C-alpha cells in the first residue's frame, strides 16, 4: 500500500511540474523509472516525459527491476 501511495504522489507531482512555467523555479526530483513508466501504466497521464521534462542533474543511480507473478496469465 505504501508503494502505491508514493507512486501516486510522484504522479501528481509530475503533472503539476509539467504544467508549470519553464522558468527554472519549479523543479521535480524523482526517480526516472516511475516518471517514464507511469504513462504506460495509467490511462490518463497528462504529461510526456521526453517532451515535458529536461534532466538537469544526476543525483543517484540504481537498477530498476520490473517483476510479476509467474503463474498469472
N, C-alpha and C. Protein backbone atom coordinates (compact mmCIF):
# COMPACT_ATOMS: atom_id res chain seq x y z
N UNK A 1 0.83 -1.19 0.00
CA UNK A 1 0.00 0.00 0.00
C UNK A 1 0.87 1.26 0.00
N UNK A 2 1.94 1.26 0.75
CA UNK A 2 2.81 2.44 0.82
C UNK A 2 3.40 2.74 -0.55
N UNK A 3 3.84 1.70 -1.28
CA UNK A 3 4.41 1.92 -2.61
C UNK A 3 3.41 2.59 -3.53
N UNK A 4 2.15 2.19 -3.46
CA UNK A 4 1.10 2.77 -4.29
C UNK A 4 0.92 4.25 -3.96
N UNK A 5 0.94 4.59 -2.69
CA UNK A 5 0.78 5.99 -2.28
C UNK A 5 1.94 6.83 -2.80
N UNK A 6 3.16 6.35 -2.64
CA UNK A 6 4.33 7.09 -3.12
C UNK A 6 4.26 7.26 -4.63
N UNK A 7 3.89 6.21 -5.35
CA UNK A 7 3.77 6.30 -6.81
C UNK A 7 2.74 7.33 -7.21
N UNK A 8 1.60 7.36 -6.54
CA UNK A 8 0.56 8.33 -6.88
C UNK A 8 1.02 9.75 -6.56
N UNK A 9 1.74 9.94 -5.46
CA UNK A 9 2.25 11.28 -5.15
C UNK A 9 3.23 11.74 -6.21
N UNK A 10 4.10 10.86 -6.69
CA UNK A 10 5.03 11.22 -7.76
C UNK A 10 4.27 11.54 -9.04
N UNK A 11 3.20 10.80 -9.31
CA UNK A 11 2.39 11.05 -10.50
C UNK A 11 1.76 12.43 -10.42
N UNK A 12 1.17 12.77 -9.28
CA UNK A 12 0.54 14.09 -9.11
C UNK A 12 1.59 15.19 -9.20
N UNK A 13 2.74 15.00 -8.54
CA UNK A 13 3.81 15.99 -8.60
C UNK A 13 4.35 16.18 -10.00
N UNK A 14 4.47 15.09 -10.74
CA UNK A 14 4.95 15.18 -12.12
C UNK A 14 3.99 15.97 -12.99
N UNK A 15 2.70 15.76 -12.81
CA UNK A 15 1.70 16.50 -13.58
C UNK A 15 1.78 17.99 -13.25
N UNK A 16 1.87 18.32 -11.96
CA UNK A 16 1.94 19.73 -11.55
C UNK A 16 3.17 20.41 -12.15
N UNK A 17 4.32 19.75 -12.06
CA UNK A 17 5.56 20.35 -12.59
C UNK A 17 5.50 20.46 -14.11
N UNK A 18 4.94 19.47 -14.78
CA UNK A 18 4.88 19.52 -16.25
C UNK A 18 4.00 20.66 -16.75
N UNK A 19 3.04 21.09 -15.94
CA UNK A 19 2.15 22.20 -16.33
C UNK A 19 2.67 23.55 -15.87
N UNK A 20 3.72 23.56 -15.05
CA UNK A 20 4.26 24.81 -14.53
C UNK A 20 5.11 25.53 -15.55
N UNK A 21 5.46 26.77 -15.25
CA UNK A 21 6.29 27.55 -16.18
C UNK A 21 7.72 27.00 -16.24
N UNK A 22 8.33 27.08 -17.39
CA UNK A 22 9.72 26.63 -17.57
C UNK A 22 10.66 27.78 -17.24
N UNK A 23 10.62 28.21 -15.98
CA UNK A 23 11.39 29.38 -15.57
C UNK A 23 12.56 29.04 -14.65
N UNK A 24 12.78 27.74 -14.40
CA UNK A 24 13.88 27.33 -13.54
C UNK A 24 13.57 27.36 -12.06
N UNK A 25 12.36 27.78 -11.67
CA UNK A 25 11.98 27.83 -10.27
C UNK A 25 11.12 26.64 -9.85
N UNK A 26 10.57 25.92 -10.79
CA UNK A 26 9.74 24.75 -10.50
C UNK A 26 10.55 23.52 -10.87
N UNK A 27 10.94 22.74 -9.85
CA UNK A 27 11.79 21.58 -10.07
C UNK A 27 11.11 20.32 -9.56
N UNK A 28 11.44 19.21 -10.17
CA UNK A 28 10.94 17.90 -9.75
C UNK A 28 12.13 16.99 -9.52
N UNK A 29 12.20 16.40 -8.33
CA UNK A 29 13.24 15.40 -8.07
C UNK A 29 12.53 14.07 -7.92
N UNK A 30 12.72 13.22 -8.89
CA UNK A 30 12.04 11.93 -8.86
C UNK A 30 12.85 10.88 -9.59
N UNK A 31 12.50 9.64 -9.33
CA UNK A 31 13.18 8.53 -10.00
C UNK A 31 12.73 8.45 -11.45
N UNK A 32 13.65 8.16 -12.34
CA UNK A 32 13.31 8.10 -13.76
C UNK A 32 12.38 6.93 -14.08
N UNK A 33 12.44 5.86 -13.30
CA UNK A 33 11.58 4.70 -13.55
C UNK A 33 10.10 5.05 -13.54
N UNK A 34 9.57 5.51 -12.39
CA UNK A 34 8.14 5.84 -12.35
C UNK A 34 7.74 6.97 -13.30
N UNK A 35 8.61 7.96 -13.45
CA UNK A 35 8.27 9.07 -14.34
C UNK A 35 8.09 8.58 -15.77
N UNK A 36 8.94 7.67 -16.20
CA UNK A 36 8.85 7.18 -17.58
C UNK A 36 7.85 6.04 -17.75
N UNK A 37 7.58 5.28 -16.70
CA UNK A 37 6.66 4.14 -16.79
C UNK A 37 5.20 4.55 -16.58
N UNK A 38 4.95 5.59 -15.79
CA UNK A 38 3.56 5.99 -15.49
C UNK A 38 2.70 6.19 -16.73
N UNK A 39 3.18 6.83 -17.80
CA UNK A 39 2.32 6.99 -18.98
C UNK A 39 1.89 5.65 -19.60
N UNK A 40 2.68 4.61 -19.42
CA UNK A 40 2.31 3.29 -19.94
C UNK A 40 1.43 2.51 -18.95
N UNK A 41 1.46 2.91 -17.68
CA UNK A 41 0.73 2.19 -16.64
C UNK A 41 -0.65 2.78 -16.39
N UNK A 42 -0.77 4.08 -16.42
CA UNK A 42 -2.03 4.76 -16.13
C UNK A 42 -2.64 5.31 -17.41
N UNK A 43 -3.95 5.31 -17.49
CA UNK A 43 -4.64 5.73 -18.72
C UNK A 43 -4.54 7.22 -19.00
N UNK A 44 -4.74 8.03 -18.01
CA UNK A 44 -4.85 9.48 -18.24
C UNK A 44 -3.71 10.26 -17.62
N UNK A 45 -2.50 9.96 -18.01
CA UNK A 45 -1.36 10.74 -17.54
C UNK A 45 -1.20 11.90 -18.51
N UNK A 46 -1.23 13.10 -17.96
CA UNK A 46 -1.26 14.28 -18.84
C UNK A 46 0.13 14.89 -19.08
N UNK A 47 1.15 14.06 -19.03
CA UNK A 47 2.49 14.55 -19.38
C UNK A 47 3.21 13.51 -20.23
N UNK A 48 4.16 14.00 -21.01
CA UNK A 48 5.02 13.14 -21.82
C UNK A 48 6.45 13.34 -21.31
N UNK A 49 7.05 12.33 -20.69
CA UNK A 49 8.36 12.53 -20.04
C UNK A 49 9.44 13.13 -20.94
N UNK A 50 9.54 12.68 -22.16
CA UNK A 50 10.61 13.17 -23.04
C UNK A 50 10.34 14.58 -23.55
N UNK A 51 9.08 14.99 -23.57
CA UNK A 51 8.73 16.31 -24.08
C UNK A 51 8.62 17.35 -22.96
N UNK A 52 8.08 16.95 -21.82
CA UNK A 52 7.74 17.90 -20.76
C UNK A 52 8.82 18.11 -19.71
N UNK A 53 9.85 17.26 -19.67
CA UNK A 53 10.89 17.39 -18.65
C UNK A 53 12.27 17.46 -19.30
N UNK A 54 13.17 18.17 -18.64
CA UNK A 54 14.56 18.28 -19.08
C UNK A 54 15.44 17.89 -17.89
N UNK A 55 16.26 16.84 -18.03
CA UNK A 55 17.13 16.48 -16.91
C UNK A 55 18.22 17.54 -16.71
N UNK A 56 18.46 17.87 -15.43
CA UNK A 56 19.49 18.88 -15.15
C UNK A 56 20.63 18.33 -14.31
N UNK A 57 20.41 17.21 -13.61
CA UNK A 57 21.47 16.65 -12.77
C UNK A 57 21.15 15.21 -12.42
N UNK A 58 22.19 14.40 -12.27
CA UNK A 58 22.05 13.03 -11.80
C UNK A 58 22.41 13.03 -10.32
N UNK A 59 21.44 12.69 -9.47
CA UNK A 59 21.65 12.68 -8.03
C UNK A 59 22.09 11.31 -7.55
N UNK A 60 21.49 10.26 -8.11
CA UNK A 60 21.81 8.89 -7.72
C UNK A 60 21.54 7.96 -8.89
N UNK A 61 22.10 6.77 -8.82
CA UNK A 61 21.89 5.77 -9.86
C UNK A 61 21.59 4.44 -9.19
N UNK A 62 20.55 3.76 -9.64
CA UNK A 62 20.20 2.46 -9.09
C UNK A 62 19.46 1.65 -10.14
N UNK A 63 19.50 0.32 -10.04
CA UNK A 63 18.82 -0.51 -11.05
C UNK A 63 17.31 -0.47 -10.89
N UNK A 64 16.61 -0.70 -11.97
CA UNK A 64 15.15 -0.77 -11.96
C UNK A 64 14.76 -2.17 -12.38
N UNK A 65 13.95 -2.82 -11.57
CA UNK A 65 13.51 -4.19 -11.86
C UNK A 65 12.00 -4.20 -11.93
N UNK A 66 11.46 -4.79 -12.98
CA UNK A 66 10.02 -4.98 -13.12
C UNK A 66 9.75 -6.47 -13.03
N UNK A 67 8.84 -6.87 -12.14
CA UNK A 67 8.56 -8.29 -11.98
C UNK A 67 7.06 -8.52 -11.83
N UNK A 68 6.65 -9.75 -12.02
CA UNK A 68 5.25 -10.13 -11.88
C UNK A 68 5.18 -11.57 -11.41
N UNK A 69 4.01 -11.99 -11.02
CA UNK A 69 3.78 -13.36 -10.58
C UNK A 69 3.93 -14.30 -11.77
N UNK A 70 4.72 -15.34 -11.65
CA UNK A 70 4.97 -16.26 -12.77
C UNK A 70 3.73 -17.06 -13.16
N UNK A 71 2.80 -17.25 -12.25
CA UNK A 71 1.60 -18.05 -12.52
C UNK A 71 0.53 -17.23 -13.23
N UNK A 72 0.50 -15.96 -13.01
CA UNK A 72 -0.54 -15.09 -13.59
C UNK A 72 -0.45 -15.06 -15.11
N UNK A 73 -1.58 -15.15 -15.77
CA UNK A 73 -1.61 -15.12 -17.24
C UNK A 73 -2.53 -14.05 -17.74
